[in-house]
Amino acid sequence: MFAEYLHERTRAMKPETEITNEPASADGAAVSFRDVTVVLGNQTVLDRVTATVPRGSCSAIVGPNGAGKTTLLLALLGRIPYRGEIRLAPGTDGARPRIGYVPQRLALDRGLPMTVLEFLTMGRQRLPLWFGCRRRYRETAMELLRPVKADALANRKLGALSGGELQRVLLALALGEQPDLLALDEPTAGVDFDGEHIFCELLESLRKRYGFTQLMVSHDLATVMHHATHVICLNRKVAAEGAPASAITNETLSAIFGLHKGLVDVRVVAGAGGNCRAKEGDGHA
């Protein structure tokens, strides 16, 4: 299970499908999607999606279940075939950008006798873990945990962690790649409101500290209005894009969620400071 997760992370860092490593646009975009279409079986999941992710932004992809939000992330990571073009701006060193990825969930055997420290070490240390963690890898793991305020979890068993604690550990693992772009798929799914708020505040401080671009899938409109600087409203096609206050309108909500969602007053959502989320769990859509 964990070997598979680490393998998937490696694939995320090195996309298999072709992604043009050129400046995404003249206006400073970190990612540019151009006419991206994904067909799975006989179903068109994404239909000519064109959107941008500004460099240094906290960008959110919002939409209903089955809208293609996770699919767009998977196309970006090179996990699924697509038509169209995805352009990535070079990293801060001018080389191919590094991408960190935090999945929505991690299939976890709660009885597995593995600590957080061992989990963070296993992808770096060749020596089997039953021989112990070498000092330099332990120190590296602790350095990853401190910025996400999870160093106190180092000796805890993974299976004993709450949803929010596990997400912070996965975030630490992703930040270990020193990403130029951090992609997160529903990072607060299954986390209570207080934990969700803390996690989003943490992400915001880390983004400002390290300067990465953040792209996340989210169902929580109030969180997006409060934390995101750019939003892509998606339901197979892009219905609106831009600053949350201008892109998330009653008309846009009606277009992507249906007429009933348009009855929500976006001014209330913007000032809610609490949960205002659509139904969770759209799998790989």
C-alpha atoms as a PDB file:
ATOM      1  CA  MET A   1       0.000   0.000   0.000  1.00  0.00           C
ATOM      2  CA  PHE A   2       2.650   2.536   1.026  1.00  0.00           C
ATOM      3  CA  ALA A   3       4.992   1.391  -1.727  1.00  0.00           C
ATOM      4  CA  GLU A   4       2.157   2.029  -4.186  1.00  0.00           C
ATOM      5  CA  TYR A   5       1.601   5.516  -2.719  1.00  0.00           C
ATOM      6  CA  LEU A   6       5.283   6.392  -3.004  1.00  0.00           C
ATOM      7  CA  HIS A   7       5.268   5.080  -6.560  1.00  0.00           C
ATOM      8  CA  GLU A   8       2.292   7.283  -7.387  1.00  0.00           C
ATOM      9  CA  ARG A   9       4.117  10.278  -5.879  1.00  0.00           C
ATOM     10  CA  THR A  10       7.094   9.561  -8.131  1.00  0.00           C
ATOM     11  CA  ARG A  11       4.784   9.442 -11.123  1.00  0.00           C
ATOM     12  CA  ALA A  12       3.274  12.727 -10.028  1.00  0.00           C
ATOM     13  CA  MET A  13       6.704  14.344  -9.986  1.00  0.00           C
ATOM     14  CA  LYS A  14       7.535  12.962 -13.443  1.00  0.00           C
ATOM     15  CA  PRO A  15       4.428  13.083 -15.638  1.00  0.00           C
ATOM     16  CA  GLU A  16       4.301  10.387 -18.314  1.00  0.00           C
ATOM     17  CA  THR A  17       2.117  12.292 -20.758  1.00  0.00           C
ATOM     18  CA  GLU A  18       3.672  15.129 -22.670  1.00  0.00           C
ATOM     19  CA  ILE A  19       3.540  18.494 -20.945  1.00  0.00           C
ATOM     20  CA  THR A  20       5.138  21.443 -22.670  1.00  0.00           C
ATOM     21  CA  ASN A  21       7.721  22.942 -20.343  1.00  0.00           C
ATOM     22  CA  GLU A  22       7.497  26.502 -21.627  1.00  0.00           C
ATOM     23  CA  PRO A  23       6.343  29.714 -20.012  1.00  0.00           C
ATOM     24  CA  ALA A  24       2.643  29.125 -19.473  1.00  0.00           C
ATOM     25  CA  SER A  25       1.749  32.598 -20.643  1.00  0.00           C
ATOM     26  CA  ALA A  26       3.085  36.092 -20.914  1.00  0.00           C
ATOM     27  CA  ASP A  27       1.054  37.231 -17.905  1.00  0.00           C
ATOM     28  CA  GLY A  28       2.859  35.046 -15.369  1.00  0.00           C
ATOM     29  CA  ALA A  29       0.708  31.900 -15.329  1.00  0.00           C
ATOM     30  CA  ALA A  30       2.231  28.843 -13.680  1.00  0.00           C
ATOM     31  CA  VAL A  31      -0.081  26.475 -15.558  1.00  0.00           C
ATOM     32  CA  SER A  32      -2.087  26.965 -18.725  1.00  0.00           C
ATOM     33  CA  PHE A  33      -4.742  24.497 -19.888  1.00  0.00           C
ATOM     34  CA  ARG A  34      -5.687  24.867 -23.540  1.00  0.00           C
ATOM     35  CA  ASP A  35      -8.622  22.933 -25.017  1.00  0.00           C
ATOM     36  CA  VAL A  36      -7.969  19.995 -22.694  1.00  0.00           C
ATOM     37  CA  THR A  37     -10.367  17.151 -23.420  1.00  0.00           C
ATOM     38  CA  VAL A  38     -10.535  13.821 -21.592  1.00  0.00           C
ATOM     39  CA  VAL A  39     -12.657  10.914 -22.782  1.00  0.00           C
ATOM     40  CA  LEU A  40     -12.935   7.855 -20.533  1.00  0.00           C
ATOM     41  CA  GLY A  41     -14.690   4.994 -22.259  1.00  0.00           C
ATOM     42  CA  ASN A  42     -17.572   6.623 -24.105  1.00  0.00           C
ATOM     43  CA  GLN A  43     -17.906   9.511 -21.642  1.00  0.00           C
ATOM     44  CA  THR A  44     -16.462  12.976 -22.195  1.00  0.00           C
ATOM     45  CA  VAL A  45     -15.281  13.973 -18.722  1.00  0.00           C
ATOM     46  CA  LEU A  46     -13.579  17.220 -19.765  1.00  0.00           C
ATOM     47  CA  ASP A  47     -14.628  19.140 -22.854  1.00  0.00           C
ATOM     48  CA  ARG A  48     -12.144  21.682 -24.261  1.00  0.00           C
ATOM     49  CA  VAL A  49     -11.136  23.098 -20.909  1.00  0.00           C
ATOM     50  CA  THR A  50      -9.156  26.311 -21.189  1.00  0.00           C
ATOM     51  CA  ALA A  51      -7.974  27.956 -17.977  1.00  0.00           C
ATOM     52  CA  THR A  52      -4.910  29.375 -16.263  1.00  0.00           C
ATOM     53  CA  VAL A  53      -3.358  29.090 -12.821  1.00  0.00           C
ATOM     54  CA  PRO A  54      -1.506  32.314 -11.932  1.00  0.00           C
ATOM     55  CA  ARG A  55       2.005  31.916 -10.582  1.00  0.00           C
ATOM     56  CA  GLY A  56       2.124  32.159  -6.803  1.00  0.00           C
ATOM     57  CA  SER A  57      -1.641  31.963  -6.462  1.00  0.00           C
ATOM     58  CA  CYS A  58      -3.895  29.839  -4.324  1.00  0.00           C
ATOM     59  CA  SER A  59      -6.119  28.542  -7.112  1.00  0.00           C
ATOM     60  CA  ALA A  60      -9.164  26.355  -6.528  1.00  0.00           C
ATOM     61  CA  ILE A  61     -11.146  24.140  -8.878  1.00  0.00           C
ATOM     62  CA  VAL A  62     -14.796  23.999  -7.816  1.00  0.00           C
ATOM     63  CA  GLY A  63     -17.768  22.153  -9.242  1.00  0.00           C
ATOM     64  CA  PRO A  64     -20.302  19.411  -8.545  1.00  0.00           C
ATOM     65  CA  ASN A  65     -19.698  15.663  -8.332  1.00  0.00           C
ATOM     66  CA  GLY A  66     -18.599  14.276 -11.684  1.00  0.00           C
ATOM     67  CA  ALA A  67     -17.562  17.697 -12.983  1.00  0.00           C
ATOM     68  CA  GLY A  68     -14.032  16.555 -13.898  1.00  0.00           C
ATOM     69  CA  LYS A  69     -12.146  18.354 -11.115  1.00  0.00           C
ATOM     70  CA  THR A  70      -9.921  15.447 -10.084  1.00  0.00           C
ATOM     71  CA  THR A  71      -9.607  14.423 -13.725  1.00  0.00           C
ATOM     72  CA  LEU A  72      -8.091  17.815 -14.532  1.00  0.00           C
ATOM     73  CA  LEU A  73      -5.519  17.308 -11.757  1.00  0.00           C
ATOM     74  CA  LEU A  74      -4.708  13.812 -13.042  1.00  0.00           C
ATOM     75  CA  ALA A  75      -4.192  15.188 -16.550  1.00  0.00           C
ATOM     76  CA  LEU A  76      -1.836  17.803 -15.117  1.00  0.00           C
ATOM     77  CA  LEU A  77       0.103  15.074 -13.300  1.00  0.00           C
ATOM     78  CA  GLY A  78       0.334  12.977 -16.446  1.00  0.00           C
ATOM     79  CA  ARG A  79      -1.751  10.184 -14.976  1.00  0.00           C
ATOM     80  CA  ILE A  80      -4.366   9.990 -17.732  1.00  0.00           C
ATOM     81  CA  PRO A  81      -4.311  10.659 -21.488  1.00  0.00           C
ATOM     82  CA  TYR A  82      -5.868  13.824 -22.828  1.00  0.00           C
ATOM     83  CA  ARG A  83      -6.170  15.922 -25.956  1.00  0.00           C
ATOM     84  CA  GLY A  84      -5.171  19.554 -25.968  1.00  0.00           C
ATOM     85  CA  GLU A  85      -2.228  21.212 -24.300  1.00  0.00           C
ATOM     86  CA  ILE A  86      -0.991  21.770 -20.766  1.00  0.00           C
ATOM     87  CA  ARG A  87       1.837  24.256 -20.394  1.00  0.00           C
ATOM     88  CA  LEU A  88       3.920  24.551 -17.244  1.00  0.00           C
ATOM     89  CA  ALA A  89       6.123  27.537 -16.540  1.00  0.00           C
ATOM     90  CA  PRO A  90       9.722  26.615 -15.626  1.00  0.00           C
ATOM     91  CA  GLY A  91      10.601  26.317 -11.949  1.00  0.00           C
ATOM     92  CA  THR A  92      12.417  28.965  -9.975  1.00  0.00           C
ATOM     93  CA  ASP A  93      15.748  27.550 -11.143  1.00  0.00           C
ATOM     94  CA  GLY A  94      14.678  27.618 -14.795  1.00  0.00           C
ATOM     95  CA  ALA A  95      14.413  23.823 -14.950  1.00  0.00           C
ATOM     96  CA  ARG A  96      11.316  21.661 -15.264  1.00  0.00           C
ATOM     97  CA  PRO A  97       8.990  22.592 -12.392  1.00  0.00           C
ATOM     98  CA  ARG A  98       8.745  20.284  -9.400  1.00  0.00           C
ATOM     99  CA  ILE A  99       5.227  19.192  -8.489  1.00  0.00           C
ATOM    100  CA  GLY A 100       4.081  18.099  -5.045  1.00  0.00           C
ATOM    101  CA  TYR A 101       0.839  16.159  -4.687  1.00  0.00           C
ATOM    102  CA  VAL A 102      -1.465  15.616  -1.705  1.00  0.00           C
ATOM    103  CA  PRO A 103      -4.198  13.036  -2.444  1.00  0.00           C
ATOM    104  CA  GLN A 104      -7.746  13.219  -1.144  1.00  0.00           C
ATOM    105  CA  ARG A 105      -7.302  10.094   0.940  1.00  0.00           C
ATOM    106  CA  LEU A 106      -4.787   7.355   1.648  1.00  0.00           C
ATOM    107  CA  ALA A 107      -6.013   3.776   1.961  1.00  0.00           C
ATOM    108  CA  LEU A 108      -4.614   2.944   5.356  1.00  0.00           C
ATOM    109  CA  ASP A 109      -4.442  -0.259   7.384  1.00  0.00           C
ATOM    110  CA  ARG A 110      -5.043   1.186  10.842  1.00  0.00           C
ATOM    111  CA  GLY A 111      -3.304  -1.774  12.432  1.00  0.00           C
ATOM    112  CA  LEU A 112      -0.034  -1.293  10.561  1.00  0.00           C
ATOM    113  CA  PRO A 113       2.761  -0.787  13.136  1.00  0.00           C
ATOM    114  CA  MET A 114       4.425   2.109  11.344  1.00  0.00           C
ATOM    115  CA  THR A 115       5.196   5.489  12.851  1.00  0.00           C
ATOM    116  CA  VAL A 116       5.026   8.840  11.087  1.00  0.00           C
ATOM    117  CA  LEU A 117       8.820   9.058  11.224  1.00  0.00           C
ATOM    118  CA  GLU A 118       9.181   5.676   9.536  1.00  0.00           C
ATOM    119  CA  PHE A 119       6.632   6.615   6.867  1.00  0.00           C
ATOM    120  CA  LEU A 120       8.552   9.768   5.944  1.00  0.00           C
ATOM    121  CA  THR A 121      11.833   7.869   5.958  1.00  0.00           C
ATOM    122  CA  MET A 122      10.879   4.811   3.915  1.00  0.00           C
ATOM    123  CA  GLY A 123      11.083   6.589   0.583  1.00  0.00           C
ATOM    124  CA  ARG A 124      14.606   7.837   1.285  1.00  0.00           C
ATOM    125  CA  GLN A 125      16.366   5.092   3.237  1.00  0.00           C
ATOM    126  CA  ARG A 126      17.402   1.914   1.448  1.00  0.00           C
ATOM    127  CA  LEU A 127      18.057   0.042   4.674  1.00  0.00           C
ATOM    128  CA  PRO A 128      14.930  -1.912   5.738  1.00  0.00           C
ATOM    129  CA  LEU A 129      13.011  -0.064   8.435  1.00  0.00           C
ATOM    130  CA  TRP A 130      13.235  -2.937  10.909  1.00  0.00           C
ATOM    131  CA  PHE A 131      16.923  -2.015  11.251  1.00  0.00           C
ATOM    132  CA  GLY A 132      15.826   1.418  12.417  1.00  0.00           C
ATOM    133  CA  CYS A 133      15.900   4.888  10.861  1.00  0.00           C
ATOM    134  CA  ARG A 134      19.298   6.392  10.278  1.00  0.00           C
ATOM    135  CA  ARG A 135      19.996   9.638  12.046  1.00  0.00           C
ATOM    136  CA  ARG A 136      20.238  11.828   8.958  1.00  0.00           C
ATOM    137  CA  TYR A 137      16.884  10.564   7.674  1.00  0.00           C
ATOM    138  CA  ARG A 138      15.281  11.071  11.064  1.00  0.00           C
ATOM    139  CA  GLU A 139      16.533  14.639  11.082  1.00  0.00           C
ATOM    140  CA  THR A 140      15.240  15.191   7.545  1.00  0.00           C
ATOM    141  CA  ALA A 141      11.827  13.835   8.538  1.00  0.00           C
ATOM    142  CA  MET A 142      11.670  16.162  11.531  1.00  0.00           C
ATOM    143  CA  GLU A 143      12.605  19.092   9.305  1.00  0.00           C
ATOM    144  CA  LEU A 144       9.634  18.216   7.092  1.00  0.00           C
ATOM    145  CA  LEU A 145       7.230  17.932  10.014  1.00  0.00           C
ATOM    146  CA  ARG A 146       8.094  21.188  11.775  1.00  0.00           C
ATOM    147  CA  PRO A 147       6.779  23.627   9.124  1.00  0.00           C
ATOM    148  CA  VAL A 148       3.396  21.860   9.071  1.00  0.00           C
ATOM    149  CA  LYS A 149       3.307  21.847  12.884  1.00  0.00           C
ATOM    150  CA  ALA A 150       3.336  18.061  13.049  1.00  0.00           C
ATOM    151  CA  ASP A 151       6.684  17.359  14.733  1.00  0.00           C
ATOM    152  CA  ALA A 152       4.831  16.145  17.835  1.00  0.00           C
ATOM    153  CA  LEU A 153       3.379  13.345  15.679  1.00  0.00           C
ATOM    154  CA  ALA A 154       6.750  11.845  14.750  1.00  0.00           C
ATOM    155  CA  ASN A 155       6.483   8.788  16.999  1.00  0.00           C
ATOM    156  CA  ARG A 156       2.741   8.300  16.631  1.00  0.00           C
ATOM    157  CA  LYS A 157       1.414   5.314  14.701  1.00  0.00           C
ATOM    158  CA  LEU A 158      -0.097   6.280  11.355  1.00  0.00           C
ATOM    159  CA  GLY A 159      -3.242   4.378  12.181  1.00  0.00           C
ATOM    160  CA  ALA A 160      -3.776   6.475  15.313  1.00  0.00           C
ATOM    161  CA  LEU A 161      -3.816   9.799  13.462  1.00  0.00           C
ATOM    162  CA  SER A 162      -6.959  11.817  12.903  1.00  0.00           C
ATOM    163  CA  GLY A 163      -7.914  12.861   9.386  1.00  0.00           C
ATOM    164  CA  GLY A 164      -6.429  16.322   9.846  1.00  0.00           C
ATOM    165  CA  GLU A 165      -3.199  14.965  11.333  1.00  0.00           C
ATOM    166  CA  LEU A 166      -2.734  12.525   8.459  1.00  0.00           C
ATOM    167  CA  GLN A 167      -3.262  15.299   5.916  1.00  0.00           C
ATOM    168  CA  ARG A 168      -0.528  17.356   7.578  1.00  0.00           C
ATOM    169  CA  VAL A 169       1.834  14.379   7.334  1.00  0.00           C
ATOM    170  CA  LEU A 170       1.014  13.962   3.624  1.00  0.00           C
ATOM    171  CA  LEU A 171       1.528  17.699   3.171  1.00  0.00           C
ATOM    172  CA  ALA A 172       4.956  17.423   4.824  1.00  0.00           C
ATOM    173  CA  LEU A 173       5.829  14.612   2.417  1.00  0.00           C
ATOM    174  CA  ALA A 174       4.767  16.689  -0.594  1.00  0.00           C
ATOM    175  CA  LEU A 175       6.711  19.752   0.600  1.00  0.00           C
ATOM    176  CA  GLY A 176       9.804  17.566   0.853  1.00  0.00           C
ATOM    177  CA  GLU A 177       9.943  17.740  -2.937  1.00  0.00           C
ATOM    178  CA  GLN A 178      10.425  21.528  -2.662  1.00  0.00           C
ATOM    179  CA  PRO A 179       7.622  21.982  -5.190  1.00  0.00           C
ATOM    180  CA  ASP A 180       7.091  24.890  -7.510  1.00  0.00           C
ATOM    181  CA  LEU A 181       3.489  23.702  -7.843  1.00  0.00           C
ATOM    182  CA  LEU A 182       1.541  22.025  -5.033  1.00  0.00           C
ATOM    183  CA  ALA A 183      -1.554  20.108  -6.197  1.00  0.00           C
ATOM    184  CA  LEU A 184      -4.118  19.023  -3.594  1.00  0.00           C
ATOM    185  CA  ASP A 185      -7.224  16.934  -4.178  1.00  0.00           C
ATOM    186  CA  GLU A 186      -9.884  17.775  -1.560  1.00  0.00           C
ATOM    187  CA  PRO A 187      -7.223  18.186   1.155  1.00  0.00           C
ATOM    188  CA  THR A 188      -9.789  18.796   3.908  1.00  0.00           C
ATOM    189  CA  ALA A 189     -12.266  16.046   3.001  1.00  0.00           C
ATOM    190  CA  GLY A 190     -13.225  14.177   6.166  1.00  0.00           C
ATOM    191  CA  VAL A 191     -11.725  16.878   8.392  1.00  0.00           C
ATOM    192  CA  ASP A 192     -13.928  18.735  10.866  1.00  0.00           C
ATOM    193  CA  PHE A 193     -14.514  22.469  10.522  1.00  0.00           C
ATOM    194  CA  ASP A 194     -11.867  23.571  13.020  1.00  0.00           C
ATOM    195  CA  GLY A 195      -9.304  21.247  11.456  1.00  0.00           C
ATOM    196  CA  GLU A 196     -10.248  22.465   7.996  1.00  0.00           C
ATOM    197  CA  HIS A 197      -9.739  26.095   8.983  1.00  0.00           C
ATOM    198  CA  ILE A 198      -6.381  25.347  10.614  1.00  0.00           C
ATOM    199  CA  PHE A 199      -5.207  23.383   7.577  1.00  0.00           C
ATOM    200  CA  CYS A 200      -6.162  26.165   5.150  1.00  0.00           C
ATOM    201  CA  GLU A 201      -4.465  28.809   7.294  1.00  0.00           C
ATOM    202  CA  LEU A 202      -1.374  26.601   7.405  1.00  0.00           C
ATOM    203  CA  LEU A 203      -1.376  26.218   3.619  1.00  0.00           C
ATOM    204  CA  GLU A 204      -1.642  29.971   3.203  1.00  0.00           C
ATOM    205  CA  SER A 205       1.321  30.651   5.473  1.00  0.00           C
ATOM    206  CA  LEU A 206       3.420  27.949   3.765  1.00  0.00           C
ATOM    207  CA  ARG A 207       2.604  29.294   0.297  1.00  0.00           C
ATOM    208  CA  LYS A 208       3.742  32.766   1.311  1.00  0.00           C
ATOM    209  CA  ARG A 209       6.836  31.375   3.011  1.00  0.00           C
ATOM    210  CA  TYR A 210       8.036  29.069   0.213  1.00  0.00           C
ATOM    211  CA  GLY A 211       6.533  30.823  -2.806  1.00  0.00           C
ATOM    212  CA  PHE A 212       4.931  27.805  -4.478  1.00  0.00           C
ATOM    213  CA  THR A 213       1.786  27.933  -6.588  1.00  0.00           C
ATOM    214  CA  GLN A 214      -1.150  26.085  -5.034  1.00  0.00           C
ATOM    215  CA  LEU A 215      -3.851  24.315  -7.025  1.00  0.00           C
ATOM    216  CA  MET A 216      -6.546  22.498  -5.082  1.00  0.00           C
ATOM    217  CA  VAL A 217      -9.863  20.811  -5.707  1.00  0.00           C
ATOM    218  CA  SER A 218     -12.503  21.892  -3.201  1.00  0.00           C
ATOM    219  CA  HIS A 219     -16.232  21.518  -2.564  1.00  0.00           C
ATOM    220  CA  ASP A 220     -16.269  24.134   0.180  1.00  0.00           C
ATOM    221  CA  LEU A 221     -17.405  27.431  -1.320  1.00  0.00           C
ATOM    222  CA  ALA A 222     -16.905  29.401   1.896  1.00  0.00           C
ATOM    223  CA  THR A 223     -13.316  28.187   2.198  1.00  0.00           C
ATOM    224  CA  VAL A 224     -12.655  29.028  -1.441  1.00  0.00           C
ATOM    225  CA  MET A 225     -14.102  32.523  -1.047  1.00  0.00           C
ATOM    226  CA  HIS A 226     -11.993  33.106   2.053  1.00  0.00           C
ATOM    227  CA  HIS A 227      -8.658  31.546   1.057  1.00  0.00           C
ATOM    228  CA  ALA A 228      -8.404  31.282  -2.735  1.00  0.00           C
ATOM    229  CA  THR A 229      -6.997  34.071  -4.877  1.00  0.00           C
ATOM    230  CA  HIS A 230      -8.136  32.487  -8.152  1.00  0.00           C
ATOM    231  CA  VAL A 231     -10.945  30.057  -8.951  1.00  0.00           C
ATOM    232  CA  ILE A 232     -11.856  27.817 -11.879  1.00  0.00           C
ATOM    233  CA  CYS A 233     -15.575  26.926 -11.910  1.00  0.00           C
ATOM    234  CA  LEU A 234     -15.904  23.631 -13.722  1.00  0.00           C
ATOM    235  CA  ASN A 235     -18.594  21.253 -14.881  1.00  0.00           C
ATOM    236  CA  ARG A 236     -16.895  19.404 -17.727  1.00  0.00           C
ATOM    237  CA  LYS A 237     -16.429  22.858 -19.263  1.00  0.00           C
ATOM    238  CA  VAL A 238     -15.211  26.058 -17.631  1.00  0.00           C
ATOM    239  CA  ALA A 239     -18.181  28.188 -16.626  1.00  0.00           C
ATOM    240  CA  ALA A 240     -16.169  31.020 -15.082  1.00  0.00           C
ATOM    241  CA  GLU A 241     -12.640  31.847 -13.999  1.00  0.00           C
ATOM    242  CA  GLY A 242     -10.989  34.634 -12.048  1.00  0.00           C
ATOM    243  CA  ALA A 243     -10.981  36.141  -8.575  1.00  0.00           C
ATOM    244  CA  PRO A 244     -13.530  34.353  -6.346  1.00  0.00           C
ATOM    245  CA  ALA A 245     -15.625  37.464  -5.766  1.00  0.00           C
ATOM    246  CA  SER A 246     -16.112  37.972  -9.502  1.00  0.00           C
ATOM    247  CA  ALA A 247     -16.191  34.338 -10.701  1.00  0.00           C
ATOM    248  CA  ILE A 248     -18.471  32.784  -8.060  1.00  0.00           C
ATOM    249  CA  THR A 249     -21.778  34.432  -8.780  1.00  0.00           C
ATOM    250  CA  ASN A 250     -25.346  33.194  -8.518  1.00  0.00           C
ATOM    251  CA  GLU A 251     -25.346  32.791 -12.285  1.00  0.00           C
ATOM    252  CA  THR A 252     -22.172  30.694 -12.190  1.00  0.00           C
ATOM    253  CA  LEU A 253     -23.507  28.510  -9.371  1.00  0.00           C
ATOM    254  CA  SER A 254     -26.664  27.895 -11.390  1.00  0.00           C
ATOM    255  CA  ALA A 255     -24.591  26.994 -14.442  1.00  0.00           C
ATOM    256  CA  ILE A 256     -22.362  24.432 -12.722  1.00  0.00           C
ATOM    257  CA  PHE A 257     -24.472  23.101  -9.843  1.00  0.00           C
ATOM    258  CA  GLY A 258     -27.995  23.535 -11.238  1.00  0.00           C
ATOM    259  CA  LEU A 259     -30.735  26.055 -10.699  1.00  0.00           C
ATOM    260  CA  HIS A 260     -31.267  25.182  -7.034  1.00  0.00           C
ATOM    261  CA  LYS A 261     -27.670  26.106  -6.167  1.00  0.00           C
ATOM    262  CA  GLY A 262     -28.134  29.515  -7.724  1.00  0.00           C
ATOM    263  CA  LEU A 263     -30.598  30.295  -4.963  1.00  0.00           C
ATOM    264  CA  VAL A 264     -27.646  30.555  -2.570  1.00  0.00           C
ATOM    265  CA  ASP A 265     -26.685  34.186  -2.049  1.00  0.00           C
ATOM    266  CA  VAL A 266     -22.951  34.343  -2.744  1.00  0.00           C
ATOM    267  CA  ARG A 267     -22.676  37.320  -0.408  1.00  0.00           C
ATOM    268  CA  VAL A 268     -23.756  35.024   2.414  1.00  0.00           C
ATOM    269  CA  VAL A 269     -21.245  32.395   1.296  1.00  0.00           C
ATOM    270  CA  ALA A 270     -18.455  34.974   1.200  1.00  0.00           C
ATOM    271  CA  GLY A 271     -19.129  36.065   4.756  1.00  0.00           C
ATOM    272  CA  ALA A 272     -20.054  32.685   6.176  1.00  0.00           C
ATOM    273  CA  GLY A 273     -16.627  31.711   7.476  1.00  0.00           C
ATOM    274  CA  GLY A 274     -18.074  28.230   7.908  1.00  0.00           C
ATOM    275  CA  ASN A 275     -19.060  25.225   5.943  1.00  0.00           C
ATOM    276  CA  CYS A 276     -20.899  25.777   2.704  1.00  0.00           C
ATOM    277  CA  ARG A 277     -19.926  22.753   0.710  1.00  0.00           C
ATOM    278  CA  ALA A 278     -21.433  20.679  -2.007  1.00  0.00           C
ATOM    279  CA  LYS A 279     -21.973  16.965  -1.575  1.00  0.00           C
ATOM    280  CA  GLU A 280     -18.645  15.186  -1.182  1.00  0.00           C
ATOM    281  CA  GLY A 281     -17.089  12.271  -2.964  1.00  0.00           C
ATOM    282  CA  ASP A 282     -16.814  12.486  -6.729  1.00  0.00           C
ATOM    283  CA  GLY A 283     -14.144   9.834  -7.066  1.00  0.00           C
ATOM    284  CA  HIS A 284     -11.974  10.558 -10.058  1.00  0.00           C
ATOM    285  CA  ALA A 285     -14.194  13.235 -11.537  1.00  0.00           C
END
